[in-house]
Each structure stands twice: as C-alpha cells, then as structure tokens.
Amino acid sequence: MAGIFVELILSWVLLWFFDKSSPLALGIVPTQKRLFDLIFGLVISSLVAGFGLYMVVYISKSTIEINSNFTASIFFDRLFWMLKSVLYEELIFRGALLYIAISKFGIKKACILSSVAFGIYHWFTFGALGNIPQMTYVFIMTGIAGAVFAMSFAFSKSMWLPIGLHLGWNVVSNIVFSQGQAENQWLLSHGGQKIGDMWSFIYFMYQISILPIPVYLYVKLRVSKEKK
C-alpha cells in the first residue's frame, strides 16, 4: 500500500505542475455512474476471460477440479494482493501520466503511448526479456489490453472502468483458473492434451479481439447519453 500512496502523491505533483489540477481530475471519487462502470468492467472482463479459459480446458479435454486446500482466507488474501497490483499498474499507466498525455497529444496518441508502455512493462513482469517470440506475444496481448484500458479511461474520464476491466480479467485468470504465476488457486486442471497450433491461434485471437467489442459499445453508449 505504501507504493500506491507514493503514486498518489507523485500524481498530485505531476497534475499540479502540468495541469494545475489534483488527483480528483482522474475521476477517483465514487459516483453512481462510476460504480456502474466498475461493475460493468468486472463482469464483462470476467465473462470474457472465463469463457476463453473454459474453452481451452474443453478443447484440451482436461479435467477440472476444485482445490480442496483453497480457503476463503486464501481467496481474500489473493484478492487483496491482486487489487493492490491492479491499482499500482492503473495509477502508472492510466493515471496522471495518461491524463497529461491526453491534454498534450490528444486521446489517440496518448492511448497508443500508454499501451506501448504497458506492453513493454510486462516484458519484465512476465520475465520475457530476451525471448523474442515470448516478447512478441506478451507485447501484443498486454499492449492491446492496455489500449482498451486507456481508451476506457479517456472516454469515461474516470479510472473506475479500467480498474474493473483489469481486475476482473486478472482475478478470473489468476485466482479462479490458476493461470500465470498464481498456481494452485481455486480451479485445477489435470491431464488433457496440448491444443494444436490452430486452436492456439484461435485462442490468441479471442483474447485480443473479443473484450474490445463490448467495451467499445459500452463507452459509445455512455458518451452518447452524456451528450444528450
């Protein structure tokens, strides 16, 4: 939490220096509309991530079982850690720096810069640096996710929607399906067979192309309502 507190202080300094504003400009104060953004983000990203991972299990003919050692205490501990991780990343990539970049360069250029930085950042967090194929995969995956999060911030004028999208995806992937570095969480898969190149490609395309669609439609509807 200390890191997040430091980020908020630095955000205040940057916003005041470049924009004469405060972190309130990031849309962090909860309102009914922003809470709905958070809920939408959590639900839609959870559904997209969950369906994709379930299809991988189904296609590979793996067996899923509930981890009997996974308790409510472990869940809330992991959830708290995940929330801190998401807030930390969102304050860096969808916080003051993106807000200032939008005011200086416009939404399109600012969101591209944010997504590129987000993709490069994950080379280090995923330990992909030096492995060109993995670096390419990670950059495309996380870069597109970063673009979706950045655009959702830009058009909702709030951090609540990208936080919901980011948290929902990470919780389902890491805690529910035990993917990535979070092994042996709630659901465990056993056996099965390796999915072929075609299914791997289809799953890759699913991951980078499906979530942007409902987010785009939601943001478009939200903006159109605000203009009325």
C-alpha atoms as a PDB file:
ATOM      1  CA  MET A   1       0.000   0.000   0.000  1.00  0.00           C
ATOM      2  CA  ALA A   2       2.972   2.305   0.586  1.00  0.00           C
ATOM      3  CA  GLY A   3       3.754   2.212  -3.139  1.00  0.00           C
ATOM      4  CA  ILE A   4       0.200   3.230  -4.034  1.00  0.00           C
ATOM      5  CA  PHE A   5       0.340   6.085  -1.517  1.00  0.00           C
ATOM      6  CA  VAL A   6       3.591   7.312  -3.088  1.00  0.00           C
ATOM      7  CA  GLU A   7       1.988   7.085  -6.541  1.00  0.00           C
ATOM      8  CA  LEU A   8      -0.904   9.271  -5.385  1.00  0.00           C
ATOM      9  CA  ILE A   9       1.499  11.896  -4.062  1.00  0.00           C
ATOM     10  CA  LEU A  10       3.526  11.858  -7.290  1.00  0.00           C
ATOM     11  CA  SER A  11       0.278  12.046  -9.279  1.00  0.00           C
ATOM     12  CA  TRP A  12      -0.720  15.138  -7.315  1.00  0.00           C
ATOM     13  CA  VAL A  13       2.650  16.772  -8.004  1.00  0.00           C
ATOM     14  CA  LEU A  14       2.539  15.971 -11.727  1.00  0.00           C
ATOM     15  CA  LEU A  15      -1.055  17.084 -12.162  1.00  0.00           C
ATOM     16  CA  TRP A  16      -0.442  20.334 -10.323  1.00  0.00           C
ATOM     17  CA  PHE A  17       2.768  21.062 -12.233  1.00  0.00           C
ATOM     18  CA  PHE A  18       1.388  20.335 -15.718  1.00  0.00           C
ATOM     19  CA  ASP A  19      -2.338  20.992 -15.333  1.00  0.00           C
ATOM     20  CA  LYS A  20      -2.847  22.928 -12.080  1.00  0.00           C
ATOM     21  CA  SER A  21      -5.250  20.170 -11.003  1.00  0.00           C
ATOM     22  CA  SER A  22      -5.384  17.417  -8.367  1.00  0.00           C
ATOM     23  CA  PRO A  23      -5.894  13.620  -8.469  1.00  0.00           C
ATOM     24  CA  LEU A  24      -9.635  14.371  -8.475  1.00  0.00           C
ATOM     25  CA  ALA A  25      -9.154  15.051 -12.196  1.00  0.00           C
ATOM     26  CA  LEU A  26      -8.603  11.307 -12.614  1.00  0.00           C
ATOM     27  CA  GLY A  27     -12.206  10.621 -11.668  1.00  0.00           C
ATOM     28  CA  ILE A  28     -11.368   8.726  -8.489  1.00  0.00           C
ATOM     29  CA  VAL A  29     -14.286   9.997  -6.399  1.00  0.00           C
ATOM     30  CA  PRO A  30     -17.026   7.316  -6.404  1.00  0.00           C
ATOM     31  CA  THR A  31     -20.338   8.235  -8.010  1.00  0.00           C
ATOM     32  CA  GLN A  32     -23.269   6.090  -9.103  1.00  0.00           C
ATOM     33  CA  LYS A  33     -22.130   6.212 -12.731  1.00  0.00           C
ATOM     34  CA  ARG A  34     -18.539   5.314 -11.850  1.00  0.00           C
ATOM     35  CA  LEU A  35     -19.592   2.434  -9.631  1.00  0.00           C
ATOM     36  CA  PHE A  36     -21.633   1.123 -12.545  1.00  0.00           C
ATOM     37  CA  ASP A  37     -18.501   1.449 -14.707  1.00  0.00           C
ATOM     38  CA  LEU A  38     -16.604  -0.644 -12.164  1.00  0.00           C
ATOM     39  CA  ILE A  39     -19.301  -3.330 -12.060  1.00  0.00           C
ATOM     40  CA  PHE A  40     -19.564  -3.462 -15.850  1.00  0.00           C
ATOM     41  CA  GLY A  41     -15.791  -3.777 -16.155  1.00  0.00           C
ATOM     42  CA  LEU A  42     -15.609  -6.550 -13.575  1.00  0.00           C
ATOM     43  CA  VAL A  43     -18.475  -8.531 -15.081  1.00  0.00           C
ATOM     44  CA  ILE A  44     -17.631  -8.264 -18.780  1.00  0.00           C
ATOM     45  CA  SER A  45     -13.905  -8.972 -18.404  1.00  0.00           C
ATOM     46  CA  SER A  46     -14.611 -11.877 -16.030  1.00  0.00           C
ATOM     47  CA  LEU A  47     -17.031 -13.409 -18.528  1.00  0.00           C
ATOM     48  CA  VAL A  48     -14.681 -12.999 -21.497  1.00  0.00           C
ATOM     49  CA  ALA A  49     -11.656 -14.343 -19.623  1.00  0.00           C
ATOM     50  CA  GLY A  50     -13.611 -17.178 -18.015  1.00  0.00           C
ATOM     51  CA  PHE A  51     -15.240 -18.358 -21.237  1.00  0.00           C
ATOM     52  CA  GLY A  52     -11.920 -18.363 -23.081  1.00  0.00           C
ATOM     53  CA  LEU A  53     -10.125 -20.346 -20.395  1.00  0.00           C
ATOM     54  CA  TYR A  54     -13.001 -22.809 -20.078  1.00  0.00           C
ATOM     55  CA  MET A  55     -12.912 -23.423 -23.842  1.00  0.00           C
ATOM     56  CA  VAL A  56      -9.177 -24.204 -23.618  1.00  0.00           C
ATOM     57  CA  VAL A  57      -9.941 -26.763 -20.902  1.00  0.00           C
ATOM     58  CA  TYR A  58     -12.760 -28.222 -23.006  1.00  0.00           C
ATOM     59  CA  ILE A  59     -10.747 -28.420 -26.234  1.00  0.00           C
ATOM     60  CA  SER A  60      -7.741 -29.960 -24.480  1.00  0.00           C
ATOM     61  CA  LYS A  61     -10.093 -32.428 -22.746  1.00  0.00           C
ATOM     62  CA  SER A  62      -8.581 -31.597 -19.390  1.00  0.00           C
ATOM     63  CA  THR A  63     -10.250 -32.400 -16.086  1.00  0.00           C
ATOM     64  CA  ILE A  64     -11.085 -29.549 -13.732  1.00  0.00           C
ATOM     65  CA  GLU A  65     -11.411 -29.955 -10.002  1.00  0.00           C
ATOM     66  CA  ILE A  66     -11.806 -27.586  -7.074  1.00  0.00           C
ATOM     67  CA  ASN A  67      -8.698 -27.194  -4.956  1.00  0.00           C
ATOM     68  CA  SER A  68      -9.726 -28.517  -1.526  1.00  0.00           C
ATOM     69  CA  ASN A  69      -6.907 -26.524   0.098  1.00  0.00           C
ATOM     70  CA  PHE A  70      -8.177 -23.241  -1.300  1.00  0.00           C
ATOM     71  CA  THR A  71      -9.974 -21.489   1.559  1.00  0.00           C
ATOM     72  CA  ALA A  72     -11.914 -18.241   1.853  1.00  0.00           C
ATOM     73  CA  SER A  73      -8.965 -16.780   3.723  1.00  0.00           C
ATOM     74  CA  ILE A  74      -6.613 -17.585   0.842  1.00  0.00           C
ATOM     75  CA  PHE A  75      -9.119 -16.140  -1.638  1.00  0.00           C
ATOM     76  CA  PHE A  76      -9.419 -12.793   0.129  1.00  0.00           C
ATOM     77  CA  ASP A  77      -5.675 -12.650   0.666  1.00  0.00           C
ATOM     78  CA  ARG A  78      -5.059 -13.216  -3.062  1.00  0.00           C
ATOM     79  CA  LEU A  79      -7.850 -10.803  -3.973  1.00  0.00           C
ATOM     80  CA  PHE A  80      -6.315  -8.073  -1.831  1.00  0.00           C
ATOM     81  CA  TRP A  81      -2.918  -8.691  -3.415  1.00  0.00           C
ATOM     82  CA  MET A  82      -4.494  -8.615  -6.883  1.00  0.00           C
ATOM     83  CA  LEU A  83      -6.321  -5.378  -6.111  1.00  0.00           C
ATOM     84  CA  LYS A  84      -3.094  -3.715  -4.966  1.00  0.00           C
ATOM     85  CA  SER A  85      -1.327  -4.921  -8.106  1.00  0.00           C
ATOM     86  CA  VAL A  86      -4.078  -3.570 -10.379  1.00  0.00           C
ATOM     87  CA  LEU A  87      -4.238  -0.212  -8.584  1.00  0.00           C
ATOM     88  CA  TYR A  88      -0.462   0.100  -8.775  1.00  0.00           C
ATOM     89  CA  GLU A  89      -0.437  -0.503 -12.534  1.00  0.00           C
ATOM     90  CA  GLU A  90      -3.504   1.624 -13.218  1.00  0.00           C
ATOM     91  CA  LEU A  91      -2.058   4.623 -11.388  1.00  0.00           C
ATOM     92  CA  ILE A  92       1.079   4.337 -13.525  1.00  0.00           C
ATOM     93  CA  PHE A  93      -0.456   3.702 -16.927  1.00  0.00           C
ATOM     94  CA  ARG A  94      -3.990   5.111 -16.666  1.00  0.00           C
ATOM     95  CA  GLY A  95      -3.392   7.805 -14.076  1.00  0.00           C
ATOM     96  CA  ALA A  96      -1.732  11.201 -14.128  1.00  0.00           C
ATOM     97  CA  LEU A  97       0.676  10.398 -16.969  1.00  0.00           C
ATOM     98  CA  LEU A  98      -2.125   9.366 -19.342  1.00  0.00           C
ATOM     99  CA  TYR A  99      -4.272  12.314 -18.271  1.00  0.00           C
ATOM    100  CA  ILE A 100      -1.427  14.738 -19.008  1.00  0.00           C
ATOM    101  CA  ALA A 101      -0.561  12.962 -22.277  1.00  0.00           C
ATOM    102  CA  ILE A 102      -4.177  13.282 -23.443  1.00  0.00           C
ATOM    103  CA  SER A 103      -4.145  17.018 -22.756  1.00  0.00           C
ATOM    104  CA  LYS A 104      -0.817  17.420 -24.586  1.00  0.00           C
ATOM    105  CA  PHE A 105      -1.112  14.993 -27.519  1.00  0.00           C
ATOM    106  CA  GLY A 106      -4.786  14.083 -27.804  1.00  0.00           C
ATOM    107  CA  ILE A 107      -6.596  10.844 -26.985  1.00  0.00           C
ATOM    108  CA  LYS A 108      -5.323   8.683 -29.867  1.00  0.00           C
ATOM    109  CA  LYS A 109      -1.593   9.385 -29.471  1.00  0.00           C
ATOM    110  CA  ALA A 110      -1.783   9.292 -25.669  1.00  0.00           C
ATOM    111  CA  CYS A 111      -3.542   5.918 -25.633  1.00  0.00           C
ATOM    112  CA  ILE A 112      -1.025   4.464 -28.098  1.00  0.00           C
ATOM    113  CA  LEU A 113       1.855   5.637 -25.905  1.00  0.00           C
ATOM    114  CA  SER A 114       0.166   4.173 -22.831  1.00  0.00           C
ATOM    115  CA  SER A 115      -0.477   0.804 -24.493  1.00  0.00           C
ATOM    116  CA  VAL A 116       3.098   0.543 -25.801  1.00  0.00           C
ATOM    117  CA  ALA A 117       4.487   1.339 -22.344  1.00  0.00           C
ATOM    118  CA  PHE A 118       2.111  -1.224 -20.795  1.00  0.00           C
ATOM    119  CA  GLY A 119       3.280  -3.904 -23.229  1.00  0.00           C
ATOM    120  CA  ILE A 120       6.970  -3.208 -22.625  1.00  0.00           C
ATOM    121  CA  TYR A 121       6.420  -3.137 -18.860  1.00  0.00           C
ATOM    122  CA  HIS A 122       5.088  -6.713 -18.993  1.00  0.00           C
ATOM    123  CA  TRP A 123       8.273  -7.973 -20.632  1.00  0.00           C
ATOM    124  CA  PHE A 124       9.823  -7.511 -17.226  1.00  0.00           C
ATOM    125  CA  THR A 125       6.911  -8.674 -15.038  1.00  0.00           C
ATOM    126  CA  PHE A 126       6.456 -11.818 -17.166  1.00  0.00           C
ATOM    127  CA  GLY A 127      10.196 -12.484 -17.381  1.00  0.00           C
ATOM    128  CA  ALA A 128      10.032 -12.459 -21.183  1.00  0.00           C
ATOM    129  CA  LEU A 129      13.001 -10.186 -21.872  1.00  0.00           C
ATOM    130  CA  GLY A 130      15.419 -11.834 -24.309  1.00  0.00           C
ATOM    131  CA  ASN A 131      12.915 -14.403 -25.624  1.00  0.00           C
ATOM    132  CA  ILE A 132      11.759 -12.790 -28.887  1.00  0.00           C
ATOM    133  CA  PRO A 133       8.686 -14.997 -29.548  1.00  0.00           C
ATOM    134  CA  GLN A 134       7.501 -14.587 -25.957  1.00  0.00           C
ATOM    135  CA  MET A 135       8.238 -10.860 -26.011  1.00  0.00           C
ATOM    136  CA  THR A 136       6.140 -10.510 -29.178  1.00  0.00           C
ATOM    137  CA  TYR A 137       3.260 -12.494 -27.684  1.00  0.00           C
ATOM    138  CA  VAL A 138       3.333 -10.588 -24.388  1.00  0.00           C
ATOM    139  CA  PHE A 139       3.619  -7.207 -26.108  1.00  0.00           C
ATOM    140  CA  ILE A 140       0.617  -7.815 -28.370  1.00  0.00           C
ATOM    141  CA  MET A 141      -1.515  -9.303 -25.584  1.00  0.00           C
ATOM    142  CA  THR A 142      -0.822  -6.731 -22.898  1.00  0.00           C
ATOM    143  CA  GLY A 143      -0.441  -3.857 -25.349  1.00  0.00           C
ATOM    144  CA  ILE A 144      -3.951  -4.360 -26.727  1.00  0.00           C
ATOM    145  CA  ALA A 145      -5.299  -4.771 -23.200  1.00  0.00           C
ATOM    146  CA  GLY A 146      -3.526  -1.549 -22.276  1.00  0.00           C
ATOM    147  CA  ALA A 147      -5.124   0.209 -25.247  1.00  0.00           C
ATOM    148  CA  VAL A 148      -8.588  -0.950 -24.145  1.00  0.00           C
ATOM    149  CA  PHE A 149      -7.945   0.224 -20.578  1.00  0.00           C
ATOM    150  CA  ALA A 150      -6.527   3.550 -21.780  1.00  0.00           C
ATOM    151  CA  MET A 151      -9.448   4.262 -24.103  1.00  0.00           C
ATOM    152  CA  SER A 152     -11.924   3.354 -21.386  1.00  0.00           C
ATOM    153  CA  PHE A 153     -10.225   5.895 -19.120  1.00  0.00           C
ATOM    154  CA  ALA A 154     -10.125   8.554 -21.826  1.00  0.00           C
ATOM    155  CA  PHE A 155     -13.816   8.348 -22.693  1.00  0.00           C
ATOM    156  CA  SER A 156     -15.252   7.624 -19.248  1.00  0.00           C
ATOM    157  CA  LYS A 157     -12.970  10.304 -17.705  1.00  0.00           C
ATOM    158  CA  SER A 158     -12.523   8.018 -14.717  1.00  0.00           C
ATOM    159  CA  MET A 159     -10.220   5.240 -13.526  1.00  0.00           C
ATOM    160  CA  TRP A 160     -13.103   3.066 -12.330  1.00  0.00           C
ATOM    161  CA  LEU A 161     -13.851   1.398 -15.674  1.00  0.00           C
ATOM    162  CA  PRO A 162     -10.225   0.393 -16.468  1.00  0.00           C
ATOM    163  CA  ILE A 163      -9.768  -0.796 -12.886  1.00  0.00           C
ATOM    164  CA  GLY A 164     -12.853  -3.013 -13.215  1.00  0.00           C
ATOM    165  CA  LEU A 165     -11.734  -4.407 -16.570  1.00  0.00           C
ATOM    166  CA  HIS A 166      -8.202  -5.063 -15.342  1.00  0.00           C
ATOM    167  CA  LEU A 167      -9.222  -6.584 -12.011  1.00  0.00           C
ATOM    168  CA  GLY A 168     -11.936  -8.824 -13.439  1.00  0.00           C
ATOM    169  CA  TRP A 169      -9.594 -10.330 -16.029  1.00  0.00           C
ATOM    170  CA  ASN A 170      -6.758 -10.884 -13.555  1.00  0.00           C
ATOM    171  CA  VAL A 171      -8.950 -12.418 -10.851  1.00  0.00           C
ATOM    172  CA  VAL A 172     -10.551 -14.950 -13.204  1.00  0.00           C
ATOM    173  CA  SER A 173      -7.283 -15.820 -14.933  1.00  0.00           C
ATOM    174  CA  ASN A 174      -5.054 -15.997 -11.870  1.00  0.00           C
ATOM    175  CA  ILE A 175      -7.277 -16.843  -8.910  1.00  0.00           C
ATOM    176  CA  VAL A 176     -10.140 -18.793 -10.472  1.00  0.00           C
ATOM    177  CA  PHE A 177      -8.233 -20.701 -13.197  1.00  0.00           C
ATOM    178  CA  SER A 178      -4.774 -20.691 -11.553  1.00  0.00           C
ATOM    179  CA  GLN A 179      -3.032 -19.226 -14.592  1.00  0.00           C
ATOM    180  CA  GLY A 180       0.255 -17.363 -14.757  1.00  0.00           C
ATOM    181  CA  GLN A 181       2.264 -17.051 -11.574  1.00  0.00           C
ATOM    182  CA  ALA A 182      -0.718 -17.812  -9.335  1.00  0.00           C
ATOM    183  CA  GLU A 183      -0.613 -21.613  -9.371  1.00  0.00           C
ATOM    184  CA  ASN A 184      -2.807 -23.916  -7.278  1.00  0.00           C
ATOM    185  CA  GLN A 185      -5.610 -21.457  -6.690  1.00  0.00           C
ATOM    186  CA  TRP A 186      -9.346 -22.317  -6.875  1.00  0.00           C
ATOM    187  CA  LEU A 187      -9.699 -24.469 -10.004  1.00  0.00           C
ATOM    188  CA  LEU A 188      -7.057 -27.013 -11.002  1.00  0.00           C
ATOM    189  CA  SER A 189      -6.841 -28.698 -14.400  1.00  0.00           C
ATOM    190  CA  HIS A 190      -5.333 -32.132 -14.891  1.00  0.00           C
ATOM    191  CA  GLY A 191      -4.476 -34.339 -17.826  1.00  0.00           C
ATOM    192  CA  GLY A 192      -5.733 -33.482 -21.250  1.00  0.00           C
ATOM    193  CA  GLN A 193      -3.747 -32.910 -24.393  1.00  0.00           C
ATOM    194  CA  LYS A 194      -1.863 -29.987 -25.848  1.00  0.00           C
ATOM    195  CA  ILE A 195      -4.068 -27.922 -28.126  1.00  0.00           C
ATOM    196  CA  GLY A 196      -2.771 -27.631 -31.670  1.00  0.00           C
ATOM    197  CA  ASP A 197      -1.410 -24.564 -33.424  1.00  0.00           C
ATOM    198  CA  MET A 198      -4.783 -23.739 -34.969  1.00  0.00           C
ATOM    199  CA  TRP A 199      -6.601 -23.713 -31.616  1.00  0.00           C
ATOM    200  CA  SER A 200      -3.729 -21.825 -30.012  1.00  0.00           C
ATOM    201  CA  PHE A 201      -4.048 -19.151 -32.695  1.00  0.00           C
ATOM    202  CA  ILE A 202      -7.832 -19.021 -32.323  1.00  0.00           C
ATOM    203  CA  TYR A 203      -7.489 -18.600 -28.554  1.00  0.00           C
ATOM    204  CA  PHE A 204      -4.874 -15.885 -29.069  1.00  0.00           C
ATOM    205  CA  MET A 205      -7.192 -14.008 -31.439  1.00  0.00           C
ATOM    206  CA  TYR A 206     -10.059 -14.466 -28.993  1.00  0.00           C
ATOM    207  CA  GLN A 207      -8.035 -12.912 -26.189  1.00  0.00           C
ATOM    208  CA  ILE A 208      -7.053  -9.810 -28.135  1.00  0.00           C
ATOM    209  CA  SER A 209     -10.264  -9.197 -30.103  1.00  0.00           C
ATOM    210  CA  ILE A 210     -13.328 -10.047 -28.001  1.00  0.00           C
ATOM    211  CA  LEU A 211     -13.069  -7.761 -24.963  1.00  0.00           C
ATOM    212  CA  PRO A 212     -12.671  -4.537 -27.020  1.00  0.00           C
ATOM    213  CA  ILE A 213     -16.099  -5.086 -28.631  1.00  0.00           C
ATOM    214  CA  PRO A 214     -18.394  -4.826 -25.552  1.00  0.00           C
ATOM    215  CA  VAL A 215     -16.146  -2.133 -24.047  1.00  0.00           C
ATOM    216  CA  TYR A 216     -16.384  -0.058 -27.235  1.00  0.00           C
ATOM    217  CA  LEU A 217     -20.173  -0.432 -27.346  1.00  0.00           C
ATOM    218  CA  TYR A 218     -20.495   0.429 -23.659  1.00  0.00           C
ATOM    219  CA  VAL A 219     -18.293   3.518 -23.905  1.00  0.00           C
ATOM    220  CA  LYS A 220     -20.037   4.646 -27.095  1.00  0.00           C
ATOM    221  CA  LEU A 221     -23.443   4.362 -25.402  1.00  0.00           C
ATOM    222  CA  ARG A 222     -22.142   6.128 -22.296  1.00  0.00           C
ATOM    223  CA  VAL A 223     -20.721   9.041 -24.292  1.00  0.00           C
ATOM    224  CA  SER A 224     -23.879   9.395 -26.392  1.00  0.00           C
ATOM    225  CA  LYS A 225     -26.029   9.585 -23.258  1.00  0.00           C
ATOM    226  CA  GLU A 226     -23.781  12.250 -21.760  1.00  0.00           C
ATOM    227  CA  LYS A 227     -24.169  14.402 -24.900  1.00  0.00           C
ATOM    228  CA  LYS A 228     -27.971  14.427 -24.624  1.00  0.00           C
END
